[in-house]
Amino acid sequence: MMYILPIILAYVYGSIPFSYILPKIFKKVDVTKHGDSNIGAMNAFYASKSFFIGLVCFLLDFSKGLLPTYFFGPVAGAFGIVGHQFSIIMMVHFKFKRIVSGLGMAATFGFLSLVEPILIPISLVVFTVFVILLAPMKIGKWLEVEQGNIETVFALALTVMVYLILFEVSYEVKLAILIISIGAFIAYSRRISSQLKKMLRV
């Protein structure tokens, strides 16, 4: 019970859709009807056209990985990220007819800032390389929601994989990273499927 309660609390906190709530309150905008429809900070920025709202959403999403990790440890931090990726609050909001998720990049950076902070600058370097390779002469293209998500996911995944191979980390951190990786894979697979369906309708 002492292990389950922190995980539940972390998941519920991660499920709070800040990037859905803030644009809705301050800009009367439904982010699920804009961009790639996800409930992440980048889409909140695009939908609201407000840098301030986007920044606040990023910081709050960042806290979903940081706070549970700080108070309860890496595994709870991982479930804070999973809560963002598969928000029970949003599922209830849509009466379980639709699953709206985020990839959890901001939350993952919050997690890493406590667990393995060196991975953040390394992943940003790898991310820059991906931007140059995937969008030559169009560096700003990463600001497009889907393009940015693709490059960020690949950069972060590659960085973490190399780090785990080269350095010793605790069992708890390995378990947490495994949980995060599975959640990101499922969330991103759903995103690809959704985008393919949209393309086939056109």
Protein backbone atom coordinates (compact mmCIF):
# COMPACT_ATOMS: atom_id res chain seq x y z
CA MET A 1 0.00 0.00 0.00
CA MET A 2 2.88 2.38 0.83
CA TYR A 3 4.16 1.96 -2.75
CA ILE A 4 0.79 2.00 -4.51
CA LEU A 5 -0.52 5.26 -3.00
CA PRO A 6 2.37 7.44 -4.29
CA ILE A 7 1.97 5.90 -7.75
CA ILE A 8 -1.77 6.66 -7.74
CA LEU A 9 -1.17 10.22 -6.53
CA ALA A 10 1.53 10.73 -9.18
CA TYR A 11 -0.73 9.38 -11.93
CA VAL A 12 -3.67 11.58 -10.88
CA TYR A 13 -1.46 14.68 -10.73
CA GLY A 14 -0.01 13.83 -14.13
CA SER A 15 -3.55 13.46 -15.46
CA ILE A 16 -4.44 17.10 -14.75
CA PRO A 17 -4.67 18.56 -18.29
CA PHE A 18 -3.11 21.97 -17.67
CA SER A 19 -2.51 22.46 -21.40
CA TYR A 20 -6.23 21.91 -22.00
CA ILE A 21 -7.51 23.94 -19.05
CA LEU A 22 -5.47 27.16 -19.38
CA PRO A 23 -6.16 27.87 -23.09
CA LYS A 24 -9.83 27.02 -22.44
CA ILE A 25 -10.10 29.47 -19.52
CA PHE A 26 -8.04 32.38 -20.84
CA LYS A 27 -8.49 32.11 -24.61
CA LYS A 28 -11.73 30.12 -24.96
CA VAL A 29 -9.79 27.67 -27.15
CA ASP A 30 -10.14 23.88 -27.21
CA VAL A 31 -6.64 22.53 -27.93
CA THR A 32 -8.06 19.14 -28.91
CA LYS A 33 -9.47 20.83 -32.02
CA HIS A 34 -6.21 22.46 -33.06
CA GLY A 35 -2.83 21.32 -34.35
CA ASP A 36 -2.26 17.65 -33.64
CA SER A 37 -5.03 17.74 -30.96
CA ASN A 38 -2.70 16.72 -28.15
CA ILE A 39 -2.81 18.21 -24.66
CA GLY A 40 0.83 19.24 -24.50
CA ALA A 41 2.43 22.64 -23.99
CA MET A 42 3.46 23.07 -27.64
CA ASN A 43 -0.08 22.56 -28.87
CA ALA A 44 -1.36 24.88 -26.12
CA PHE A 45 1.01 27.54 -27.46
CA TYR A 46 -0.17 27.04 -31.05
CA ALA A 47 -3.87 26.93 -30.18
CA SER A 48 -3.83 29.92 -27.82
CA LYS A 49 -1.26 31.94 -29.81
CA SER A 50 0.10 33.00 -26.41
CA PHE A 51 3.74 32.49 -25.49
CA PHE A 52 2.90 33.08 -21.82
CA ILE A 53 0.21 30.38 -21.75
CA GLY A 54 2.53 28.01 -23.60
CA LEU A 55 5.32 28.67 -21.10
CA VAL A 56 3.09 28.21 -18.04
CA CYS A 57 1.71 24.97 -19.52
CA PHE A 58 5.26 23.75 -20.14
CA LEU A 59 6.30 24.48 -16.54
CA LEU A 60 3.20 22.79 -15.12
CA ASP A 61 3.69 19.75 -17.38
CA PHE A 62 7.38 19.77 -16.38
CA SER A 63 6.27 19.52 -12.75
CA LYS A 64 4.37 16.30 -13.50
CA GLY A 65 7.68 14.50 -13.80
CA LEU A 66 9.60 16.58 -11.28
CA LEU A 67 7.31 16.70 -8.22
CA PRO A 68 6.39 12.98 -7.98
CA THR A 69 10.07 12.09 -8.49
CA TYR A 70 11.16 14.55 -5.81
CA PHE A 71 8.63 13.40 -3.21
CA PHE A 72 8.22 9.70 -4.01
CA GLY A 73 11.08 8.56 -6.25
CA PRO A 74 11.72 7.68 -9.93
CA VAL A 75 8.96 5.08 -10.39
CA ALA A 76 6.31 7.52 -9.12
CA GLY A 77 7.83 10.14 -11.43
CA ALA A 78 7.37 7.75 -14.33
CA PHE A 79 3.68 7.39 -13.49
CA GLY A 80 3.34 11.17 -13.36
CA ILE A 81 4.43 11.13 -17.01
CA VAL A 82 2.08 8.24 -17.83
CA GLY A 83 -0.75 10.29 -16.31
CA HIS A 84 -0.03 13.04 -18.83
CA GLN A 85 0.17 10.54 -21.69
CA PHE A 86 -3.10 8.85 -20.71
CA SER A 87 -5.10 11.32 -18.65
CA ILE A 88 -7.97 9.70 -16.76
CA ILE A 89 -9.46 13.18 -16.31
CA MET A 90 -9.63 13.69 -20.08
CA MET A 91 -11.01 10.18 -20.57
CA VAL A 92 -13.83 10.94 -18.14
CA HIS A 93 -14.35 14.33 -19.81
CA PHE A 94 -14.89 12.62 -23.16
CA LYS A 95 -16.93 9.83 -21.51
CA PHE A 96 -14.30 7.25 -22.53
CA LYS A 97 -15.27 7.71 -26.20
CA ARG A 98 -11.97 9.37 -27.01
CA ILE A 99 -8.44 9.18 -25.64
CA VAL A 100 -6.63 12.49 -25.81
CA SER A 101 -3.00 12.31 -24.84
CA GLY A 102 0.28 14.15 -24.82
CA LEU A 103 3.69 12.61 -25.47
CA GLY A 104 4.98 13.81 -22.11
CA MET A 105 8.19 15.48 -23.27
CA ALA A 106 8.01 18.36 -20.74
CA ALA A 107 7.14 15.91 -17.96
CA THR A 108 10.03 13.66 -18.99
CA PHE A 109 12.44 16.58 -18.79
CA GLY A 110 11.09 17.26 -15.30
CA PHE A 111 11.81 13.65 -14.36
CA LEU A 112 15.32 13.78 -15.85
CA SER A 113 16.13 17.07 -14.14
CA LEU A 114 16.25 15.14 -10.85
CA VAL A 115 17.24 11.64 -11.95
CA GLU A 116 19.82 12.19 -14.72
CA PRO A 117 20.03 15.94 -15.47
CA ILE A 118 23.01 15.46 -17.82
CA LEU A 119 20.62 13.82 -20.30
CA ILE A 120 18.78 17.10 -20.89
CA PRO A 121 21.63 19.07 -22.53
CA ILE A 122 22.84 15.93 -24.33
CA SER A 123 19.37 15.26 -25.75
CA LEU A 124 19.12 18.89 -26.86
CA VAL A 125 22.36 18.50 -28.83
CA VAL A 126 21.05 15.28 -30.42
CA PHE A 127 17.75 17.07 -31.08
CA THR A 128 19.59 19.84 -32.96
CA VAL A 129 21.30 17.23 -35.13
CA PHE A 130 17.90 15.67 -35.92
CA VAL A 131 16.49 19.07 -36.86
CA ILE A 132 19.38 19.71 -39.26
CA LEU A 133 19.14 16.24 -40.81
CA LEU A 134 15.34 16.06 -41.09
CA ALA A 135 14.67 19.67 -42.03
CA PRO A 136 17.78 21.00 -43.81
CA MET A 137 17.64 24.77 -44.48
CA LYS A 138 14.37 24.90 -42.51
CA ILE A 139 15.54 24.96 -38.90
CA GLY A 140 12.30 26.61 -37.76
CA LYS A 141 10.30 23.65 -39.06
CA TRP A 142 10.63 21.91 -35.68
CA LEU A 143 8.10 24.41 -34.36
CA GLU A 144 5.44 22.55 -36.34
CA VAL A 145 3.76 20.39 -33.73
CA GLU A 146 4.13 16.98 -35.39
CA GLN A 147 7.61 17.67 -36.74
CA GLY A 148 8.76 18.84 -33.32
CA ASN A 149 7.26 15.79 -31.62
CA ILE A 150 8.93 13.37 -34.03
CA GLU A 151 12.38 14.87 -33.62
CA THR A 152 12.10 15.30 -29.85
CA VAL A 153 10.97 11.71 -29.29
CA PHE A 154 13.76 10.26 -31.42
CA ALA A 155 16.42 12.50 -29.88
CA LEU A 156 15.38 11.73 -26.29
CA ALA A 157 15.00 7.98 -26.93
CA LEU A 158 18.42 7.74 -28.59
CA THR A 159 20.08 9.73 -25.80
CA VAL A 160 18.56 7.59 -23.04
CA MET A 161 19.40 4.33 -24.83
CA VAL A 162 23.07 5.29 -25.28
CA TYR A 163 23.28 6.52 -21.69
CA LEU A 164 21.89 3.28 -20.26
CA ILE A 165 24.43 1.30 -22.29
CA LEU A 166 27.43 3.38 -21.23
CA PHE A 167 26.66 4.12 -17.58
CA GLU A 168 25.53 2.23 -14.50
CA VAL A 169 22.16 3.33 -13.13
CA SER A 170 20.02 1.95 -10.33
CA TYR A 171 17.37 -0.70 -10.86
CA GLU A 172 14.65 1.77 -9.84
CA VAL A 173 15.77 4.29 -12.48
CA LYS A 174 15.92 1.56 -15.14
CA LEU A 175 12.37 0.47 -14.24
CA ALA A 176 11.16 4.08 -14.35
CA ILE A 177 12.75 4.66 -17.77
CA LEU A 178 11.21 1.41 -19.05
CA ILE A 179 7.74 2.58 -17.92
CA ILE A 180 8.27 5.98 -19.54
CA SER A 181 9.51 4.39 -22.78
CA ILE A 182 6.50 2.04 -23.03
CA GLY A 183 4.10 4.93 -22.37
CA ALA A 184 5.79 7.13 -24.99
CA PHE A 185 5.79 4.29 -27.54
CA ILE A 186 2.06 3.66 -27.08
CA ALA A 187 1.21 7.38 -27.10
CA TYR A 188 3.28 8.02 -30.20
CA SER A 189 1.94 4.92 -31.99
CA ARG A 190 -1.56 6.26 -31.41
CA ARG A 191 -0.46 9.62 -32.81
CA ILE A 192 0.90 8.00 -35.98
CA SER A 193 -2.30 5.98 -36.40
CA SER A 194 -4.42 9.12 -35.95
CA GLN A 195 -2.38 11.07 -38.51
CA LEU A 196 -2.58 8.23 -41.05
CA LYS A 197 -6.37 8.11 -40.69
CA LYS A 198 -6.56 11.88 -41.34
CA MET A 199 -4.38 11.51 -44.43
CA LEU A 200 -6.53 8.69 -45.80
CA ARG A 201 -9.68 10.81 -45.41
CA VAL A 202 -8.20 13.63 -47.50
